[in-house]
Amino acid sequence: MKKFAAALICGALLLTGCSSENKEKASQEAHSRDIFAMDTFMTLKAYGDSAEEALSEAAVKITDLEKLLAVTDPESDISRINSSSGEFVQVSEDTAAIIGAGIEYGDLTGGALDITVYPVLREWGFTTGEYRVPSTQEIGALLENVDYTKVEFSGDSVKIPGGAMVDTGSLAKGYTSDRVIEILRENDVNSAIVSLGGNVQSLGLKPDGSQWKVGIKDPFQPDSEMCIVSVGEKAVITSGNYERFFVGEDGEVYWHIIDPADGAPADNGLVSVTVIGDSGLMCDALSTALFVSGTDKAQQIWRSEKSFDMVLVTDDERILVTEGIADSVSNISDMDMEVLTLD
């Protein structure tokens, strides 16, 4: 009888061990979801028992945000604002939040980010695919209506002057990745990474406790990576001149990041800007704004804010890395890497 009881106890221990082992394996199992939205391919990967359900909820949120923010969808909040003839338009909480952030980062960067530059972007063909180099006169006329400070709020309603148009493309994917991470966290997921067309944001660490490794493309050879950055729970977002561009009849290359100051592709010494921080929205907005700002002003903003890190690539092929992230960046390119300090 004693032998039988001992066998039962051993069997129970073995079952308990197997159960714990199975649970551990389940918590490390990757669940993924691929989505095409916001004109880009997105990959969401999460770990844990509740990951699958969380990813389904996140996918719905992405689709909802696309419907609200798509500048080319006549039923979106953005299109309704743009066709409002200077009247207030009631919008969703998400739309109000992202437009409000656009104004905030416009102020922070001295207008380098301007959510009303859309008509100029469209004239270059970057939203239609009908690329052309507009005349100085055409750009000048459009710039008369480019001024983010004229966007008005009244509760949950937004108004822009007649002739002006807004576009949240420089913030939308960063805002979306923030919302996705929020949904995953609310569903008890504590390890995940999402890539929204190159906008990468992570939740927690990898299941084995190690950091995530995010590759940053070489702007001079976009099919290759120039460095690898190791991060914990961070957003890593890049804006570069290689992402969307065309070659004009004059043989010049024109890219999609427009400088609101002159309505032309920003050409201020930078070819790639990666911003690393806690907020996807912040990193998305700043990666565009710092690209427009140029090397010196980008460093001024970084030293003033101290709330993010960055990897800059100059047009003379130098990599500039801020001191807060320098030890986590592995340079695998032929370019020299310099460390920027706050002093």
C-alpha atoms as a PDB file:
ATOM      1  CA  MET A   1       0.000   0.000   0.000  1.00  0.00           C
ATOM      2  CA  LYS A   2       2.842   2.388   0.877  1.00  0.00           C
ATOM      3  CA  LYS A   3       4.460   1.688  -2.472  1.00  0.00           C
ATOM      4  CA  PHE A   4       1.184   2.458  -4.257  1.00  0.00           C
ATOM      5  CA  ALA A   5       0.796   5.781  -2.375  1.00  0.00           C
ATOM      6  CA  ALA A   6       4.377   6.714  -3.196  1.00  0.00           C
ATOM      7  CA  ALA A   7       3.746   5.980  -6.858  1.00  0.00           C
ATOM      8  CA  LEU A   8       0.707   8.259  -6.810  1.00  0.00           C
ATOM      9  CA  ILE A   9       2.723  11.092  -5.260  1.00  0.00           C
ATOM     10  CA  CYS A  10       5.524  10.703  -7.805  1.00  0.00           C
ATOM     11  CA  GLY A  11       2.998  10.668 -10.632  1.00  0.00           C
ATOM     12  CA  ALA A  12       1.383  13.831  -9.313  1.00  0.00           C
ATOM     13  CA  LEU A  13       4.758  15.551  -9.122  1.00  0.00           C
ATOM     14  CA  LEU A  14       5.555  14.531 -12.662  1.00  0.00           C
ATOM     15  CA  LEU A  15       2.212  15.864 -13.903  1.00  0.00           C
ATOM     16  CA  THR A  16       2.722  19.134 -12.033  1.00  0.00           C
ATOM     17  CA  GLY A  17       6.172  19.467 -13.555  1.00  0.00           C
ATOM     18  CA  CYS A  18       4.832  18.827 -17.031  1.00  0.00           C
ATOM     19  CA  SER A  19       2.013  21.315 -16.464  1.00  0.00           C
ATOM     20  CA  SER A  20       4.436  24.049 -15.359  1.00  0.00           C
ATOM     21  CA  GLU A  21       6.707  23.287 -18.274  1.00  0.00           C
ATOM     22  CA  ASN A  22       3.788  23.470 -20.711  1.00  0.00           C
ATOM     23  CA  LYS A  23       2.667  26.794 -19.258  1.00  0.00           C
ATOM     24  CA  GLU A  24       6.189  28.179 -19.594  1.00  0.00           C
ATOM     25  CA  LYS A  25       6.352  27.050 -23.222  1.00  0.00           C
ATOM     26  CA  ALA A  26       2.951  28.607 -23.882  1.00  0.00           C
ATOM     27  CA  SER A  27       4.099  31.933 -22.420  1.00  0.00           C
ATOM     28  CA  GLN A  28       7.077  31.914 -24.796  1.00  0.00           C
ATOM     29  CA  GLU A  29       5.095  30.946 -27.873  1.00  0.00           C
ATOM     30  CA  ALA A  30       4.921  33.694 -30.482  1.00  0.00           C
ATOM     31  CA  HIS A  31       1.574  34.741 -31.913  1.00  0.00           C
ATOM     32  CA  SER A  32       1.696  37.029 -34.931  1.00  0.00           C
ATOM     33  CA  ARG A  33      -0.609  38.984 -37.168  1.00  0.00           C
ATOM     34  CA  ASP A  34       0.193  40.541 -40.554  1.00  0.00           C
ATOM     35  CA  ILE A  35      -1.890  43.504 -41.697  1.00  0.00           C
ATOM     36  CA  PHE A  36      -1.819  45.884 -44.621  1.00  0.00           C
ATOM     37  CA  ALA A  37      -3.061  49.295 -43.475  1.00  0.00           C
ATOM     38  CA  MET A  38      -2.076  52.950 -43.743  1.00  0.00           C
ATOM     39  CA  ASP A  39      -0.443  52.105 -47.072  1.00  0.00           C
ATOM     40  CA  THR A  40       2.119  49.841 -45.432  1.00  0.00           C
ATOM     41  CA  PHE A  41       2.691  46.261 -44.308  1.00  0.00           C
ATOM     42  CA  MET A  42       2.478  45.751 -40.559  1.00  0.00           C
ATOM     43  CA  THR A  43       3.574  42.840 -38.399  1.00  0.00           C
ATOM     44  CA  LEU A  44       2.434  42.371 -34.804  1.00  0.00           C
ATOM     45  CA  LYS A  45       4.085  39.714 -32.643  1.00  0.00           C
ATOM     46  CA  ALA A  46       3.091  38.968 -29.054  1.00  0.00           C
ATOM     47  CA  TYR A  47       3.782  36.238 -26.496  1.00  0.00           C
ATOM     48  CA  GLY A  48       1.585  34.670 -23.822  1.00  0.00           C
ATOM     49  CA  ASP A  49      -1.733  32.947 -23.256  1.00  0.00           C
ATOM     50  CA  SER A  50      -3.811  36.026 -24.099  1.00  0.00           C
ATOM     51  CA  ALA A  51      -1.712  37.130 -27.086  1.00  0.00           C
ATOM     52  CA  GLU A  52      -4.020  35.867 -29.834  1.00  0.00           C
ATOM     53  CA  GLU A  53      -7.075  37.658 -28.484  1.00  0.00           C
ATOM     54  CA  ALA A  54      -5.048  40.822 -27.870  1.00  0.00           C
ATOM     55  CA  LEU A  55      -3.727  40.819 -31.436  1.00  0.00           C
ATOM     56  CA  SER A  56      -7.247  40.520 -32.817  1.00  0.00           C
ATOM     57  CA  GLU A  57      -8.323  43.538 -30.789  1.00  0.00           C
ATOM     58  CA  ALA A  58      -5.240  45.462 -31.915  1.00  0.00           C
ATOM     59  CA  ALA A  59      -5.953  44.663 -35.579  1.00  0.00           C
ATOM     60  CA  VAL A  60      -9.452  46.110 -35.237  1.00  0.00           C
ATOM     61  CA  LYS A  61      -8.021  49.256 -33.670  1.00  0.00           C
ATOM     62  CA  ILE A  62      -5.575  49.696 -36.551  1.00  0.00           C
ATOM     63  CA  THR A  63      -8.408  49.425 -39.077  1.00  0.00           C
ATOM     64  CA  ASP A  64     -10.515  51.907 -37.112  1.00  0.00           C
ATOM     65  CA  LEU A  65      -7.684  54.424 -36.941  1.00  0.00           C
ATOM     66  CA  GLU A  66      -7.025  54.104 -40.656  1.00  0.00           C
ATOM     67  CA  LYS A  67     -10.680  54.941 -41.358  1.00  0.00           C
ATOM     68  CA  LEU A  68     -10.447  58.003 -39.130  1.00  0.00           C
ATOM     69  CA  LEU A  69      -7.104  59.349 -40.346  1.00  0.00           C
ATOM     70  CA  ALA A  70      -6.842  58.481 -44.062  1.00  0.00           C
ATOM     71  CA  VAL A  71      -6.565  61.784 -45.909  1.00  0.00           C
ATOM     72  CA  THR A  72      -7.769  60.168 -49.154  1.00  0.00           C
ATOM     73  CA  ASP A  73     -10.905  58.586 -47.635  1.00  0.00           C
ATOM     74  CA  PRO A  74     -13.794  61.052 -48.114  1.00  0.00           C
ATOM     75  CA  GLU A  75     -15.531  59.714 -45.005  1.00  0.00           C
ATOM     76  CA  SER A  76     -12.541  60.014 -42.644  1.00  0.00           C
ATOM     77  CA  ASP A  77     -12.337  62.657 -39.923  1.00  0.00           C
ATOM     78  CA  ILE A  78      -9.382  64.211 -41.738  1.00  0.00           C
ATOM     79  CA  SER A  79     -11.247  64.516 -45.052  1.00  0.00           C
ATOM     80  CA  ARG A  80     -14.281  65.997 -43.325  1.00  0.00           C
ATOM     81  CA  ILE A  81     -12.042  68.632 -41.734  1.00  0.00           C
ATOM     82  CA  ASN A  82     -10.401  69.391 -45.081  1.00  0.00           C
ATOM     83  CA  SER A  83     -13.726  69.840 -46.854  1.00  0.00           C
ATOM     84  CA  SER A  84     -15.388  71.849 -44.092  1.00  0.00           C
ATOM     85  CA  SER A  85     -14.908  75.297 -45.717  1.00  0.00           C
ATOM     86  CA  GLY A  86     -13.600  76.823 -42.516  1.00  0.00           C
ATOM     87  CA  GLU A  87     -16.298  75.422 -40.202  1.00  0.00           C
ATOM     88  CA  PHE A  88     -15.843  73.410 -37.004  1.00  0.00           C
ATOM     89  CA  VAL A  89     -16.059  69.627 -37.473  1.00  0.00           C
ATOM     90  CA  GLN A  90     -16.732  67.207 -34.621  1.00  0.00           C
ATOM     91  CA  VAL A  91     -14.130  64.423 -34.583  1.00  0.00           C
ATOM     92  CA  SER A  92     -13.277  61.310 -32.611  1.00  0.00           C
ATOM     93  CA  GLU A  93     -11.153  61.335 -29.483  1.00  0.00           C
ATOM     94  CA  ASP A  94      -8.288  59.714 -31.415  1.00  0.00           C
ATOM     95  CA  THR A  95      -8.379  62.315 -34.187  1.00  0.00           C
ATOM     96  CA  ALA A  96      -8.471  65.186 -31.714  1.00  0.00           C
ATOM     97  CA  ALA A  97      -5.537  63.684 -29.809  1.00  0.00           C
ATOM     98  CA  ILE A  98      -3.341  63.235 -32.861  1.00  0.00           C
ATOM     99  CA  ILE A  99      -4.071  66.705 -34.268  1.00  0.00           C
ATOM    100  CA  GLY A 100      -3.401  68.201 -30.850  1.00  0.00           C
ATOM    101  CA  ALA A 101      -0.066  66.361 -30.776  1.00  0.00           C
ATOM    102  CA  GLY A 102       0.734  67.706 -34.235  1.00  0.00           C
ATOM    103  CA  ILE A 103       0.311  71.245 -32.950  1.00  0.00           C
ATOM    104  CA  GLU A 104       2.394  70.467 -29.855  1.00  0.00           C
ATOM    105  CA  TYR A 105       5.314  69.087 -31.874  1.00  0.00           C
ATOM    106  CA  GLY A 106       4.976  71.914 -34.353  1.00  0.00           C
ATOM    107  CA  ASP A 107       5.579  74.311 -31.476  1.00  0.00           C
ATOM    108  CA  LEU A 108       8.407  72.232 -30.023  1.00  0.00           C
ATOM    109  CA  THR A 109      10.285  72.104 -33.336  1.00  0.00           C
ATOM    110  CA  GLY A 110       9.684  75.677 -34.454  1.00  0.00           C
ATOM    111  CA  GLY A 111       7.349  74.608 -37.242  1.00  0.00           C
ATOM    112  CA  ALA A 112       9.617  71.908 -38.702  1.00  0.00           C
ATOM    113  CA  LEU A 113       6.617  69.612 -38.263  1.00  0.00           C
ATOM    114  CA  ASP A 114       3.534  71.164 -39.857  1.00  0.00           C
ATOM    115  CA  ILE A 115       0.400  69.064 -40.270  1.00  0.00           C
ATOM    116  CA  THR A 116      -0.995  71.554 -42.823  1.00  0.00           C
ATOM    117  CA  VAL A 117       1.728  70.945 -45.449  1.00  0.00           C
ATOM    118  CA  TYR A 118      -0.412  68.299 -47.200  1.00  0.00           C
ATOM    119  CA  PRO A 119      -1.384  70.390 -50.287  1.00  0.00           C
ATOM    120  CA  VAL A 120       2.306  70.859 -51.086  1.00  0.00           C
ATOM    121  CA  LEU A 121       3.038  67.160 -50.587  1.00  0.00           C
ATOM    122  CA  ARG A 122       0.151  66.323 -52.910  1.00  0.00           C
ATOM    123  CA  GLU A 123       1.374  68.761 -55.559  1.00  0.00           C
ATOM    124  CA  TRP A 124       4.687  66.895 -55.696  1.00  0.00           C
ATOM    125  CA  GLY A 125       2.680  63.706 -56.317  1.00  0.00           C
ATOM    126  CA  PHE A 126       3.708  61.854 -53.172  1.00  0.00           C
ATOM    127  CA  THR A 127       0.095  61.059 -52.263  1.00  0.00           C
ATOM    128  CA  THR A 128      -1.122  60.325 -55.795  1.00  0.00           C
ATOM    129  CA  GLY A 129       1.871  58.696 -57.445  1.00  0.00           C
ATOM    130  CA  GLU A 130       1.749  61.313 -60.221  1.00  0.00           C
ATOM    131  CA  TYR A 131       5.191  62.727 -59.506  1.00  0.00           C
ATOM    132  CA  ARG A 132       6.197  66.139 -60.784  1.00  0.00           C
ATOM    133  CA  VAL A 133       8.368  69.099 -59.791  1.00  0.00           C
ATOM    134  CA  PRO A 134       6.015  72.032 -59.118  1.00  0.00           C
ATOM    135  CA  SER A 135       7.008  75.508 -60.157  1.00  0.00           C
ATOM    136  CA  THR A 136       8.152  78.083 -57.632  1.00  0.00           C
ATOM    137  CA  GLN A 137       4.913  79.984 -58.246  1.00  0.00           C
ATOM    138  CA  GLU A 138       2.767  76.915 -57.587  1.00  0.00           C
ATOM    139  CA  ILE A 139       4.564  76.130 -54.344  1.00  0.00           C
ATOM    140  CA  GLY A 140       4.415  79.760 -53.227  1.00  0.00           C
ATOM    141  CA  ALA A 141       0.645  79.879 -53.700  1.00  0.00           C
ATOM    142  CA  LEU A 142       0.159  76.664 -51.712  1.00  0.00           C
ATOM    143  CA  LEU A 143       2.451  77.792 -48.888  1.00  0.00           C
ATOM    144  CA  GLU A 144       0.111  80.702 -48.187  1.00  0.00           C
ATOM    145  CA  ASN A 145      -2.245  78.182 -46.541  1.00  0.00           C
ATOM    146  CA  VAL A 146       0.448  76.203 -44.699  1.00  0.00           C
ATOM    147  CA  ASP A 147       0.379  77.221 -41.039  1.00  0.00           C
ATOM    148  CA  TYR A 148      -0.396  74.709 -38.297  1.00  0.00           C
ATOM    149  CA  THR A 149      -0.925  77.525 -35.753  1.00  0.00           C
ATOM    150  CA  LYS A 150      -4.215  78.383 -37.482  1.00  0.00           C
ATOM    151  CA  VAL A 151      -5.758  75.021 -36.592  1.00  0.00           C
ATOM    152  CA  GLU A 152      -8.434  75.660 -33.941  1.00  0.00           C
ATOM    153  CA  PHE A 153     -10.009  73.429 -31.284  1.00  0.00           C
ATOM    154  CA  SER A 154     -13.330  73.722 -29.497  1.00  0.00           C
ATOM    155  CA  GLY A 155     -13.924  70.711 -27.293  1.00  0.00           C
ATOM    156  CA  ASP A 156     -13.929  67.718 -29.634  1.00  0.00           C
ATOM    157  CA  SER A 157     -14.293  69.866 -32.760  1.00  0.00           C
ATOM    158  CA  VAL A 158     -11.573  71.086 -35.132  1.00  0.00           C
ATOM    159  CA  LYS A 159     -11.534  73.975 -37.580  1.00  0.00           C
ATOM    160  CA  ILE A 160      -9.021  75.011 -40.233  1.00  0.00           C
ATOM    161  CA  PRO A 161      -9.087  78.071 -42.497  1.00  0.00           C
ATOM    162  CA  GLY A 162     -10.667  77.757 -45.923  1.00  0.00           C
ATOM    163  CA  GLY A 163      -8.046  76.611 -48.416  1.00  0.00           C
ATOM    164  CA  ALA A 164      -5.975  74.824 -45.754  1.00  0.00           C
ATOM    165  CA  MET A 165      -5.717  71.050 -45.400  1.00  0.00           C
ATOM    166  CA  VAL A 166      -4.381  68.815 -42.623  1.00  0.00           C
ATOM    167  CA  ASP A 167      -2.694  65.429 -42.815  1.00  0.00           C
ATOM    168  CA  THR A 168      -1.516  63.318 -39.876  1.00  0.00           C
ATOM    169  CA  GLY A 169       0.773  61.042 -41.891  1.00  0.00           C
ATOM    170  CA  SER A 170       3.833  62.166 -39.924  1.00  0.00           C
ATOM    171  CA  LEU A 171       2.242  61.000 -36.655  1.00  0.00           C
ATOM    172  CA  ALA A 172      -0.313  58.314 -37.541  1.00  0.00           C
ATOM    173  CA  LYS A 173       1.801  55.161 -37.358  1.00  0.00           C
ATOM    174  CA  GLY A 174       3.509  56.290 -34.143  1.00  0.00           C
ATOM    175  CA  TYR A 175       0.143  57.041 -32.550  1.00  0.00           C
ATOM    176  CA  THR A 176      -1.138  53.680 -33.784  1.00  0.00           C
ATOM    177  CA  SER A 177       1.775  51.719 -32.326  1.00  0.00           C
ATOM    178  CA  ASP A 178       1.153  53.419 -28.963  1.00  0.00           C
ATOM    179  CA  ARG A 179      -2.483  52.297 -29.063  1.00  0.00           C
ATOM    180  CA  VAL A 180      -1.496  48.756 -30.082  1.00  0.00           C
ATOM    181  CA  ILE A 181       0.969  48.481 -27.196  1.00  0.00           C
ATOM    182  CA  GLU A 182      -1.705  49.830 -24.849  1.00  0.00           C
ATOM    183  CA  ILE A 183      -4.191  47.163 -25.993  1.00  0.00           C
ATOM    184  CA  LEU A 184      -1.629  44.385 -25.579  1.00  0.00           C
ATOM    185  CA  ARG A 185      -0.764  45.582 -22.081  1.00  0.00           C
ATOM    186  CA  GLU A 186      -4.446  45.757 -21.099  1.00  0.00           C
ATOM    187  CA  ASN A 187      -4.769  42.126 -22.197  1.00  0.00           C
ATOM    188  CA  ASP A 188      -1.949  41.043 -19.873  1.00  0.00           C
ATOM    189  CA  VAL A 189       0.619  40.666 -22.634  1.00  0.00           C
ATOM    190  CA  ASN A 190       4.038  41.626 -21.276  1.00  0.00           C
ATOM    191  CA  SER A 191       6.270  40.745 -24.221  1.00  0.00           C
ATOM    192  CA  ALA A 192       5.577  41.954 -27.761  1.00  0.00           C
ATOM    193  CA  ILE A 193       7.046  43.810 -30.716  1.00  0.00           C
ATOM    194  CA  VAL A 194       5.206  45.569 -33.521  1.00  0.00           C
ATOM    195  CA  SER A 195       6.511  46.848 -36.838  1.00  0.00           C
ATOM    196  CA  LEU A 196       4.279  49.269 -38.688  1.00  0.00           C
ATOM    197  CA  GLY A 197       6.074  49.765 -41.960  1.00  0.00           C
ATOM    198  CA  GLY A 198       9.429  50.124 -40.242  1.00  0.00           C
ATOM    199  CA  ASN A 199       8.072  51.952 -37.200  1.00  0.00           C
ATOM    200  CA  VAL A 200       9.115  49.525 -34.468  1.00  0.00           C
ATOM    201  CA  GLN A 201       7.807  49.534 -30.915  1.00  0.00           C
ATOM    202  CA  SER A 202       8.256  46.915 -28.207  1.00  0.00           C
ATOM    203  CA  LEU A 203       6.490  45.937 -25.005  1.00  0.00           C
ATOM    204  CA  GLY A 204       8.675  44.592 -22.207  1.00  0.00           C
ATOM    205  CA  LEU A 205      11.649  42.380 -22.995  1.00  0.00           C
ATOM    206  CA  LYS A 206      11.855  39.243 -25.115  1.00  0.00           C
ATOM    207  CA  PRO A 207      10.431  36.134 -23.391  1.00  0.00           C
ATOM    208  CA  ASP A 208      13.947  34.974 -22.480  1.00  0.00           C
ATOM    209  CA  GLY A 209      14.621  38.299 -20.736  1.00  0.00           C
ATOM    210  CA  SER A 210      16.979  39.667 -23.372  1.00  0.00           C
ATOM    211  CA  GLN A 211      16.627  42.941 -25.234  1.00  0.00           C
ATOM    212  CA  TRP A 212      15.085  43.370 -28.657  1.00  0.00           C
ATOM    213  CA  LYS A 213      17.451  43.984 -31.558  1.00  0.00           C
ATOM    214  CA  VAL A 214      16.200  46.484 -34.136  1.00  0.00           C
ATOM    215  CA  GLY A 215      18.012  47.066 -37.412  1.00  0.00           C
ATOM    216  CA  ILE A 216      18.367  50.555 -38.877  1.00  0.00           C
ATOM    217  CA  LYS A 217      18.693  50.750 -42.663  1.00  0.00           C
ATOM    218  CA  ASP A 218      21.683  52.240 -44.407  1.00  0.00           C
ATOM    219  CA  PRO A 219      20.251  55.234 -46.324  1.00  0.00           C
ATOM    220  CA  PHE A 220      22.987  54.881 -48.938  1.00  0.00           C
ATOM    221  CA  GLN A 221      22.248  51.161 -49.388  1.00  0.00           C
ATOM    222  CA  PRO A 222      18.623  50.716 -48.247  1.00  0.00           C
ATOM    223  CA  ASP A 223      18.702  46.966 -48.842  1.00  0.00           C
ATOM    224  CA  SER A 224      21.274  46.690 -46.044  1.00  0.00           C
ATOM    225  CA  GLU A 225      21.365  47.634 -42.380  1.00  0.00           C
ATOM    226  CA  MET A 226      23.970  50.065 -41.081  1.00  0.00           C
ATOM    227  CA  CYS A 227      23.567  49.370 -37.370  1.00  0.00           C
ATOM    228  CA  ILE A 228      21.678  47.316 -34.814  1.00  0.00           C
ATOM    229  CA  VAL A 229      20.211  48.909 -31.691  1.00  0.00           C
ATOM    230  CA  SER A 230      19.369  46.858 -28.591  1.00  0.00           C
ATOM    231  CA  VAL A 231      16.384  48.152 -26.619  1.00  0.00           C
ATOM    232  CA  GLY A 232      13.972  47.194 -23.894  1.00  0.00           C
ATOM    233  CA  GLU A 233      10.483  48.692 -23.968  1.00  0.00           C
ATOM    234  CA  LYS A 234      10.984  51.451 -26.544  1.00  0.00           C
ATOM    235  CA  ALA A 235       9.859  52.850 -29.863  1.00  0.00           C
ATOM    236  CA  VAL A 236      12.462  52.982 -32.655  1.00  0.00           C
ATOM    237  CA  ILE A 237      11.241  55.062 -35.598  1.00  0.00           C
ATOM    238  CA  THR A 238      13.145  56.203 -38.675  1.00  0.00           C
ATOM    239  CA  SER A 239      12.538  58.812 -41.363  1.00  0.00           C
ATOM    240  CA  GLY A 240      14.828  58.730 -44.390  1.00  0.00           C
ATOM    241  CA  ASN A 241      15.165  60.169 -47.860  1.00  0.00           C
ATOM    242  CA  TYR A 242      15.227  56.652 -49.343  1.00  0.00           C
ATOM    243  CA  GLU A 243      11.681  55.722 -48.266  1.00  0.00           C
ATOM    244  CA  ARG A 244       9.646  57.489 -50.977  1.00  0.00           C
ATOM    245  CA  PHE A 245      11.280  59.419 -53.779  1.00  0.00           C
ATOM    246  CA  PHE A 246      11.356  59.980 -57.507  1.00  0.00           C
ATOM    247  CA  VAL A 247      13.878  61.158 -60.070  1.00  0.00           C
ATOM    248  CA  GLY A 248      12.787  64.289 -61.933  1.00  0.00           C
ATOM    249  CA  GLU A 249      13.303  65.045 -65.597  1.00  0.00           C
ATOM    250  CA  ASP A 250      16.266  67.146 -64.469  1.00  0.00           C
ATOM    251  CA  GLY A 251      17.939  64.021 -63.064  1.00  0.00           C
ATOM    252  CA  GLU A 252      17.606  65.219 -59.457  1.00  0.00           C
ATOM    253  CA  VAL A 253      16.228  62.991 -56.688  1.00  0.00           C
ATOM    254  CA  TYR A 254      13.214  64.350 -54.771  1.00  0.00           C
ATOM    255  CA  TRP A 255      11.991  62.738 -51.560  1.00  0.00           C
ATOM    256  CA  HIS A 256       8.717  62.928 -49.649  1.00  0.00           C
ATOM    257  CA  ILE A 257       9.778  64.762 -46.486  1.00  0.00           C
ATOM    258  CA  ILE A 258       8.780  68.344 -47.255  1.00  0.00           C
ATOM    259  CA  ASP A 259      10.264  71.388 -45.531  1.00  0.00           C
ATOM    260  CA  PRO A 260       7.313  73.662 -44.628  1.00  0.00           C
ATOM    261  CA  ALA A 261       9.616  76.678 -44.913  1.00  0.00           C
ATOM    262  CA  ASP A 262      10.018  76.441 -48.688  1.00  0.00           C
ATOM    263  CA  GLY A 263       7.729  73.605 -49.825  1.00  0.00           C
ATOM    264  CA  ALA A 264      10.613  71.539 -51.235  1.00  0.00           C
ATOM    265  CA  PRO A 265      12.047  68.194 -50.063  1.00  0.00           C
ATOM    266  CA  ALA A 266      14.022  68.880 -46.894  1.00  0.00           C
ATOM    267  CA  ASP A 267      17.721  69.127 -47.722  1.00  0.00           C
ATOM    268  CA  ASN A 268      19.426  70.285 -44.551  1.00  0.00           C
ATOM    269  CA  GLY A 269      22.316  67.855 -44.244  1.00  0.00           C
ATOM    270  CA  LEU A 270      20.534  64.712 -43.000  1.00  0.00           C
ATOM    271  CA  VAL A 271      19.556  61.626 -44.982  1.00  0.00           C
ATOM    272  CA  SER A 272      18.197  59.524 -42.113  1.00  0.00           C
ATOM    273  CA  VAL A 273      16.901  60.205 -38.602  1.00  0.00           C
ATOM    274  CA  THR A 274      16.020  57.508 -36.080  1.00  0.00           C
ATOM    275  CA  VAL A 275      14.391  58.546 -32.818  1.00  0.00           C
ATOM    276  CA  ILE A 276      14.294  56.187 -29.831  1.00  0.00           C
ATOM    277  CA  GLY A 277      12.000  56.866 -26.888  1.00  0.00           C
ATOM    278  CA  ASP A 278       9.079  55.774 -24.764  1.00  0.00           C
ATOM    279  CA  SER A 279       6.317  57.062 -27.062  1.00  0.00           C
ATOM    280  CA  GLY A 280       5.711  55.989 -30.640  1.00  0.00           C
ATOM    281  CA  LEU A 281       3.877  59.219 -31.330  1.00  0.00           C
ATOM    282  CA  MET A 282       6.787  61.327 -30.089  1.00  0.00           C
ATOM    283  CA  CYS A 283       9.351  59.307 -32.047  1.00  0.00           C
ATOM    284  CA  ASP A 284       7.304  59.441 -35.253  1.00  0.00           C
ATOM    285  CA  ALA A 285       6.749  63.186 -35.034  1.00  0.00           C
ATOM    286  CA  LEU A 286      10.358  63.959 -34.132  1.00  0.00           C
ATOM    287  CA  SER A 287      11.922  61.687 -36.743  1.00  0.00           C
ATOM    288  CA  THR A 288      10.227  63.796 -39.417  1.00  0.00           C
ATOM    289  CA  ALA A 289      10.771  67.145 -37.714  1.00  0.00           C
ATOM    290  CA  LEU A 290      14.458  66.540 -36.970  1.00  0.00           C
ATOM    291  CA  PHE A 291      15.055  65.442 -40.556  1.00  0.00           C
ATOM    292  CA  VAL A 292      13.614  68.781 -41.675  1.00  0.00           C
ATOM    293  CA  SER A 293      15.539  70.684 -38.992  1.00  0.00           C
ATOM    294  CA  GLY A 294      18.998  69.507 -40.016  1.00  0.00           C
ATOM    295  CA  THR A 295      22.003  68.369 -38.004  1.00  0.00           C
ATOM    296  CA  ASP A 296      22.594  71.386 -35.762  1.00  0.00           C
ATOM    297  CA  LYS A 297      18.990  72.168 -34.880  1.00  0.00           C
ATOM    298  CA  ALA A 298      18.227  68.471 -34.293  1.00  0.00           C
ATOM    299  CA  GLN A 299      20.982  68.420 -31.684  1.00  0.00           C
ATOM    300  CA  GLN A 300      19.650  71.609 -30.113  1.00  0.00           C
ATOM    301  CA  ILE A 301      16.194  70.089 -29.740  1.00  0.00           C
ATOM    302  CA  TRP A 302      17.662  66.892 -28.276  1.00  0.00           C
ATOM    303  CA  ARG A 303      19.754  68.784 -25.739  1.00  0.00           C
ATOM    304  CA  SER A 304      16.760  70.919 -24.802  1.00  0.00           C
ATOM    305  CA  GLU A 305      14.243  68.085 -24.423  1.00  0.00           C
ATOM    306  CA  LYS A 306      16.452  65.247 -23.066  1.00  0.00           C
ATOM    307  CA  SER A 307      13.461  62.887 -23.448  1.00  0.00           C
ATOM    308  CA  PHE A 308      14.676  60.777 -26.367  1.00  0.00           C
ATOM    309  CA  ASP A 309      17.751  59.442 -28.114  1.00  0.00           C
ATOM    310  CA  MET A 310      18.550  59.568 -31.805  1.00  0.00           C
ATOM    311  CA  VAL A 311      20.721  58.182 -34.566  1.00  0.00           C
ATOM    312  CA  LEU A 312      21.441  60.726 -37.302  1.00  0.00           C
ATOM    313  CA  VAL A 313      23.048  59.999 -40.656  1.00  0.00           C
ATOM    314  CA  THR A 314      24.512  62.985 -42.485  1.00  0.00           C
ATOM    315  CA  ASP A 315      24.772  63.457 -46.223  1.00  0.00           C
ATOM    316  CA  ASP A 316      28.568  63.231 -45.912  1.00  0.00           C
ATOM    317  CA  GLU A 317      28.186  59.682 -44.527  1.00  0.00           C
ATOM    318  CA  ARG A 318      28.635  60.101 -40.780  1.00  0.00           C
ATOM    319  CA  ILE A 319      26.570  58.387 -38.081  1.00  0.00           C
ATOM    320  CA  LEU A 320      25.839  60.578 -35.053  1.00  0.00           C
ATOM    321  CA  VAL A 321      24.525  58.739 -31.984  1.00  0.00           C
ATOM    322  CA  THR A 322      23.373  60.354 -28.734  1.00  0.00           C
ATOM    323  CA  GLU A 323      25.157  59.272 -25.583  1.00  0.00           C
ATOM    324  CA  GLY A 324      22.095  57.686 -23.966  1.00  0.00           C
ATOM    325  CA  ILE A 325      21.898  54.959 -26.598  1.00  0.00           C
ATOM    326  CA  ALA A 326      25.510  54.815 -27.825  1.00  0.00           C
ATOM    327  CA  ASP A 327      26.462  51.685 -25.847  1.00  0.00           C
ATOM    328  CA  SER A 328      23.453  49.854 -27.302  1.00  0.00           C
ATOM    329  CA  VAL A 329      24.241  50.602 -30.955  1.00  0.00           C
ATOM    330  CA  SER A 330      26.380  48.236 -33.024  1.00  0.00           C
ATOM    331  CA  ASN A 331      27.738  49.899 -36.163  1.00  0.00           C
ATOM    332  CA  ILE A 332      27.969  47.320 -38.953  1.00  0.00           C
ATOM    333  CA  SER A 333      28.546  49.825 -41.764  1.00  0.00           C
ATOM    334  CA  ASP A 334      31.658  51.373 -43.256  1.00  0.00           C
ATOM    335  CA  MET A 335      30.684  54.791 -41.922  1.00  0.00           C
ATOM    336  CA  ASP A 336      32.324  56.402 -38.905  1.00  0.00           C
ATOM    337  CA  MET A 337      30.173  56.698 -35.797  1.00  0.00           C
ATOM    338  CA  GLU A 338      30.406  59.690 -33.466  1.00  0.00           C
ATOM    339  CA  VAL A 339      28.795  60.059 -30.030  1.00  0.00           C
ATOM    340  CA  LEU A 340      26.887  63.242 -29.242  1.00  0.00           C
ATOM    341  CA  THR A 341      27.010  64.412 -25.627  1.00  0.00           C
ATOM    342  CA  LEU A 342      24.776  66.752 -23.677  1.00  0.00           C
ATOM    343  CA  ASP A 343      27.752  68.891 -22.619  1.00  0.00           C
END
